[in-house]
Structure formats: C-alpha cells, structure tokens
Amino acid sequence: MRNILMTVMLLVVVVVLFNSIIAQDTTGTRAQIQSQGNAANTRINTLLP
C-alpha cells in the first residue's frame, strides 16, 4: 500500500512540474520554442533568393 501511495504522489509531482515548466502559456518552454521558431521562419522568409 505504501509503494502505491508513493508512486501516485510521484506522478502528481511530475504532472505539476510539467504543467508549470513546459506547458505554461506565456513563459513555458513550449511558448519559448514556438516564439523562436516563428522568429526563424520570419528571418528565412525575408531572405532574398
């Protein structure tokens, strides 16, 4: 029973950390990667052939 409780608590901690670090709307890792990708696309589109 104790092992199951520890496993569930660990999973809850992982989910909370994921939501606060990766999936945050404006300052999360996903948003930063997306903004850098958009900036790279803009720079590539402005290159002259």
PDB file of N, CA and C in Angstrom:
ATOM      1  N   MET A   1       0.819  -1.190   0.000  1.00  0.00           N
ATOM      2  CA  MET A   1       0.000   0.000   0.000  1.00  0.00           C
ATOM      3  C   MET A   1       0.868   1.260   0.000  1.00  0.00           C
ATOM      4  N   ARG A   2       1.946   1.229   0.764  1.00  0.00           N
ATOM      5  CA  ARG A   2       2.830   2.387   0.840  1.00  0.00           C
ATOM      6  C   ARG A   2       3.493   2.649  -0.507  1.00  0.00           C
ATOM      7  N   ASN A   3       3.872   1.600  -1.225  1.00  0.00           N
ATOM      8  CA  ASN A   3       4.501   1.766  -2.535  1.00  0.00           C
ATOM      9  C   ASN A   3       3.549   2.407  -3.533  1.00  0.00           C
ATOM     10  N   ILE A   4       2.298   2.026  -3.484  1.00  0.00           N
ATOM     11  CA  ILE A   4       1.302   2.599  -4.387  1.00  0.00           C
ATOM     12  C   ILE A   4       1.118   4.085  -4.082  1.00  0.00           C
ATOM     13  N   LEU A   5       1.059   4.428  -2.810  1.00  0.00           N
ATOM     14  CA  LEU A   5       0.907   5.825  -2.414  1.00  0.00           C
ATOM     15  C   LEU A   5       2.095   6.661  -2.882  1.00  0.00           C
ATOM     16  N   MET A   6       3.287   6.159  -2.700  1.00  0.00           N
ATOM     17  CA  MET A   6       4.487   6.874  -3.141  1.00  0.00           C
ATOM     18  C   MET A   6       4.493   7.056  -4.655  1.00  0.00           C
ATOM     19  N   THR A   7       4.078   6.036  -5.379  1.00  0.00           N
ATOM     20  CA  THR A   7       4.027   6.125  -6.836  1.00  0.00           C
ATOM     21  C   THR A   7       3.018   7.167  -7.290  1.00  0.00           C
ATOM     22  N   VAL A   8       1.857   7.183  -6.675  1.00  0.00           N
ATOM     23  CA  VAL A   8       0.826   8.163  -7.030  1.00  0.00           C
ATOM     24  C   VAL A   8       1.298   9.579  -6.702  1.00  0.00           C
ATOM     25  N   MET A   9       1.925   9.754  -5.574  1.00  0.00           N
ATOM     26  CA  MET A   9       2.421  11.078  -5.203  1.00  0.00           C
ATOM     27  C   MET A   9       3.519  11.542  -6.159  1.00  0.00           C
ATOM     28  N   LEU A  10       4.383  10.645  -6.563  1.00  0.00           N
ATOM     29  CA  LEU A  10       5.432  10.976  -7.513  1.00  0.00           C
ATOM     30  C   LEU A  10       4.833  11.386  -8.860  1.00  0.00           C
ATOM     31  N   LEU A  11       3.821  10.681  -9.308  1.00  0.00           N
ATOM     32  CA  LEU A  11       3.158  11.037 -10.569  1.00  0.00           C
ATOM     33  C   LEU A  11       2.491  12.403 -10.481  1.00  0.00           C
ATOM     34  N   VAL A  12       1.898  12.712  -9.357  1.00  0.00           N
ATOM     35  CA  VAL A  12       1.279  14.027  -9.176  1.00  0.00           C
ATOM     36  C   VAL A  12       2.339  15.125  -9.249  1.00  0.00           C
ATOM     37  N   VAL A  13       3.472  14.906  -8.612  1.00  0.00           N
ATOM     38  CA  VAL A  13       4.554  15.887  -8.643  1.00  0.00           C
ATOM     39  C   VAL A  13       5.057  16.084 -10.072  1.00  0.00           C
ATOM     40  N   VAL A  14       5.205  15.003 -10.821  1.00  0.00           N
ATOM     41  CA  VAL A  14       5.672  15.094 -12.204  1.00  0.00           C
ATOM     42  C   VAL A  14       4.681  15.891 -13.052  1.00  0.00           C
ATOM     43  N   VAL A  15       3.408  15.647 -12.881  1.00  0.00           N
ATOM     44  CA  VAL A  15       2.391  16.367 -13.651  1.00  0.00           C
ATOM     45  C   VAL A  15       2.402  17.854 -13.301  1.00  0.00           C
ATOM     46  N   VAL A  16       2.513  18.167 -12.035  1.00  0.00           N
ATOM     47  CA  VAL A  16       2.544  19.576 -11.625  1.00  0.00           C
ATOM     48  C   VAL A  16       3.787  20.268 -12.185  1.00  0.00           C
ATOM     49  N   LEU A  17       4.931  19.620 -12.112  1.00  0.00           N
ATOM     50  CA  LEU A  17       6.148  20.213 -12.659  1.00  0.00           C
ATOM     51  C   LEU A  17       6.049  20.399 -14.169  1.00  0.00           C
ATOM     52  N   PHE A  18       5.492  19.418 -14.864  1.00  0.00           N
ATOM     53  CA  PHE A  18       5.323  19.536 -16.317  1.00  0.00           C
ATOM     54  C   PHE A  18       4.454  20.738 -16.654  1.00  0.00           C
ATOM     55  N   ASN A  19       3.343  20.880 -15.949  1.00  0.00           N
ATOM     56  CA  ASN A  19       2.437  21.987 -16.231  1.00  0.00           C
ATOM     57  C   ASN A  19       3.058  23.336 -15.910  1.00  0.00           C
ATOM     58  N   SER A  20       3.873  23.402 -14.885  1.00  0.00           N
ATOM     59  CA  SER A  20       4.442  24.694 -14.504  1.00  0.00           C
ATOM     60  C   SER A  20       5.679  25.058 -15.325  1.00  0.00           C
ATOM     61  N   ILE A  21       6.393  24.071 -15.850  1.00  0.00           N
ATOM     62  CA  ILE A  21       7.630  24.370 -16.582  1.00  0.00           C
ATOM     63  C   ILE A  21       7.419  24.319 -18.094  1.00  0.00           C
ATOM     64  N   ILE A  22       6.820  23.280 -18.587  1.00  0.00           N
ATOM     65  CA  ILE A  22       6.724  23.058 -20.033  1.00  0.00           C
ATOM     66  C   ILE A  22       5.504  23.729 -20.633  1.00  0.00           C
ATOM     67  N   ALA A  23       4.341  23.495 -20.070  1.00  0.00           N
ATOM     68  CA  ALA A  23       3.093  23.847 -20.734  1.00  0.00           C
ATOM     69  C   ALA A  23       2.530  25.204 -20.338  1.00  0.00           C
ATOM     70  N   GLN A  24       3.268  26.018 -19.623  1.00  0.00           N
ATOM     71  CA  GLN A  24       2.758  27.332 -19.227  1.00  0.00           C
ATOM     72  C   GLN A  24       2.568  28.194 -20.471  1.00  0.00           C
ATOM     73  N   ASP A  25       1.473  28.967 -20.511  1.00  0.00           N
ATOM     74  CA  ASP A  25       1.060  29.655 -21.726  1.00  0.00           C
ATOM     75  C   ASP A  25       2.077  30.658 -22.261  1.00  0.00           C
ATOM     76  N   THR A  26       2.567  31.543 -21.432  1.00  0.00           N
ATOM     77  CA  THR A  26       3.396  32.638 -21.950  1.00  0.00           C
ATOM     78  C   THR A  26       4.884  32.482 -21.683  1.00  0.00           C
ATOM     79  N   THR A  27       5.259  31.818 -20.616  1.00  0.00           N
ATOM     80  CA  THR A  27       6.677  31.732 -20.272  1.00  0.00           C
ATOM     81  C   THR A  27       7.200  30.308 -20.230  1.00  0.00           C
ATOM     82  N   GLY A  28       6.400  29.351 -20.623  1.00  0.00           N
ATOM     83  CA  GLY A  28       6.838  27.962 -20.594  1.00  0.00           C
ATOM     84  C   GLY A  28       7.788  27.640 -21.736  1.00  0.00           C
ATOM     85  N   THR A  29       8.388  26.489 -21.655  1.00  0.00           N
ATOM     86  CA  THR A  29       9.336  26.054 -22.677  1.00  0.00           C
ATOM     87  C   THR A  29       8.666  25.949 -24.034  1.00  0.00           C
ATOM     88  N   ARG A  30       7.446  25.453 -24.076  1.00  0.00           N
ATOM     89  CA  ARG A  30       6.732  25.327 -25.343  1.00  0.00           C
ATOM     90  C   ARG A  30       6.553  26.690 -26.003  1.00  0.00           C
ATOM     91  N   ALA A  31       6.183  27.707 -25.231  1.00  0.00           N
ATOM     92  CA  ALA A  31       5.988  29.053 -25.774  1.00  0.00           C
ATOM     93  C   ALA A  31       7.301  29.642 -26.268  1.00  0.00           C
ATOM     94  N   GLN A  32       8.379  29.390 -25.544  1.00  0.00           N
ATOM     95  CA  GLN A  32       9.678  29.914 -25.968  1.00  0.00           C
ATOM     96  C   GLN A  32      10.146  29.260 -27.254  1.00  0.00           C
ATOM     97  N   ILE A  33       9.959  27.945 -27.375  1.00  0.00           N
ATOM     98  CA  ILE A  33      10.338  27.248 -28.602  1.00  0.00           C
ATOM     99  C   ILE A  33       9.503  27.751 -29.773  1.00  0.00           C
ATOM    100  N   GLN A  34       8.225  27.962 -29.526  1.00  0.00           N
ATOM    101  CA  GLN A  34       7.345  28.439 -30.584  1.00  0.00           C
ATOM    102  C   GLN A  34       7.734  29.848 -31.037  1.00  0.00           C
ATOM    103  N   SER A  35       8.062  30.725 -30.104  1.00  0.00           N
ATOM    104  CA  SER A  35       8.441  32.088 -30.492  1.00  0.00           C
ATOM    105  C   SER A  35       9.767  32.094 -31.245  1.00  0.00           C
ATOM    106  N   GLN A  36      10.712  31.260 -30.838  1.00  0.00           N
ATOM    107  CA  GLN A  36      11.985  31.174 -31.556  1.00  0.00           C
ATOM    108  C   GLN A  36      11.785  30.599 -32.954  1.00  0.00           C
ATOM    109  N   GLY A  37      10.897  29.625 -33.077  1.00  0.00           N
ATOM    110  CA  GLY A  37      10.587  29.054 -34.393  1.00  0.00           C
ATOM    111  C   GLY A  37       9.933  30.071 -35.300  1.00  0.00           C
ATOM    112  N   ASN A  38       9.015  30.860 -34.752  1.00  0.00           N
ATOM    113  CA  ASN A  38       8.373  31.906 -35.548  1.00  0.00           C
ATOM    114  C   ASN A  38       9.385  32.954 -35.991  1.00  0.00           C
ATOM    115  N   ALA A  39      10.302  33.309 -35.112  1.00  0.00           N
ATOM    116  CA  ALA A  39      11.338  34.279 -35.469  1.00  0.00           C
ATOM    117  C   ALA A  39      12.237  33.719 -36.572  1.00  0.00           C
ATOM    118  N   ALA A  40      12.584  32.438 -36.473  1.00  0.00           N
ATOM    119  CA  ALA A  40      13.419  31.823 -37.517  1.00  0.00           C
ATOM    120  C   ALA A  40      12.669  31.771 -38.845  1.00  0.00           C
ATOM    121  N   ASN A  41      11.380  31.450 -38.815  1.00  0.00           N
ATOM    122  CA  ASN A  41      10.592  31.432 -40.047  1.00  0.00           C
ATOM    123  C   ASN A  41      10.525  32.812 -40.684  1.00  0.00           C
ATOM    124  N   THR A  42      10.376  33.832 -39.872  1.00  0.00           N
ATOM    125  CA  THR A  42      10.327  35.198 -40.388  1.00  0.00           C
ATOM    126  C   THR A  42      11.648  35.573 -41.051  1.00  0.00           C
ATOM    127  N   ARG A  43      12.753  35.226 -40.399  1.00  0.00           N
ATOM    128  CA  ARG A  43      14.066  35.533 -40.976  1.00  0.00           C
ATOM    129  C   ARG A  43      14.292  34.771 -42.273  1.00  0.00           C
ATOM    130  N   ILE A  44      13.871  33.524 -42.335  1.00  0.00           N
ATOM    131  CA  ILE A  44      14.044  32.726 -43.549  1.00  0.00           C
ATOM    132  C   ILE A  44      13.194  33.298 -44.682  1.00  0.00           C
ATOM    133  N   ASN A  45      11.969  33.728 -44.356  1.00  0.00           N
ATOM    134  CA  ASN A  45      11.094  34.278 -45.389  1.00  0.00           C
ATOM    135  C   ASN A  45      11.592  35.611 -45.934  1.00  0.00           C
ATOM    136  N   THR A  46      12.375  36.334 -45.163  1.00  0.00           N
ATOM    137  CA  THR A  46      12.866  37.629 -45.651  1.00  0.00           C
ATOM    138  C   THR A  46      14.154  37.508 -46.449  1.00  0.00           C
ATOM    139  N   LEU A  47      14.732  36.319 -46.542  1.00  0.00           N
ATOM    140  CA  LEU A  47      15.949  36.143 -47.339  1.00  0.00           C
ATOM    141  C   LEU A  47      15.624  36.302 -48.826  1.00  0.00           C
ATOM    142  N   LEU A  48      16.522  36.924 -49.525  1.00  0.00           N
ATOM    143  CA  LEU A  48      16.346  37.100 -50.965  1.00  0.00           C
ATOM    144  C   LEU A  48      16.918  35.896 -51.702  1.00  0.00           C
ATOM    145  N   PRO A  49      16.215  35.399 -52.704  1.00  0.00           N
ATOM    146  CA  PRO A  49      16.738  34.232 -53.455  1.00  0.00           C
ATOM    147  C   PRO A  49      17.888  34.606 -54.376  1.00  0.00           C
TER     148      PRO A  49
END
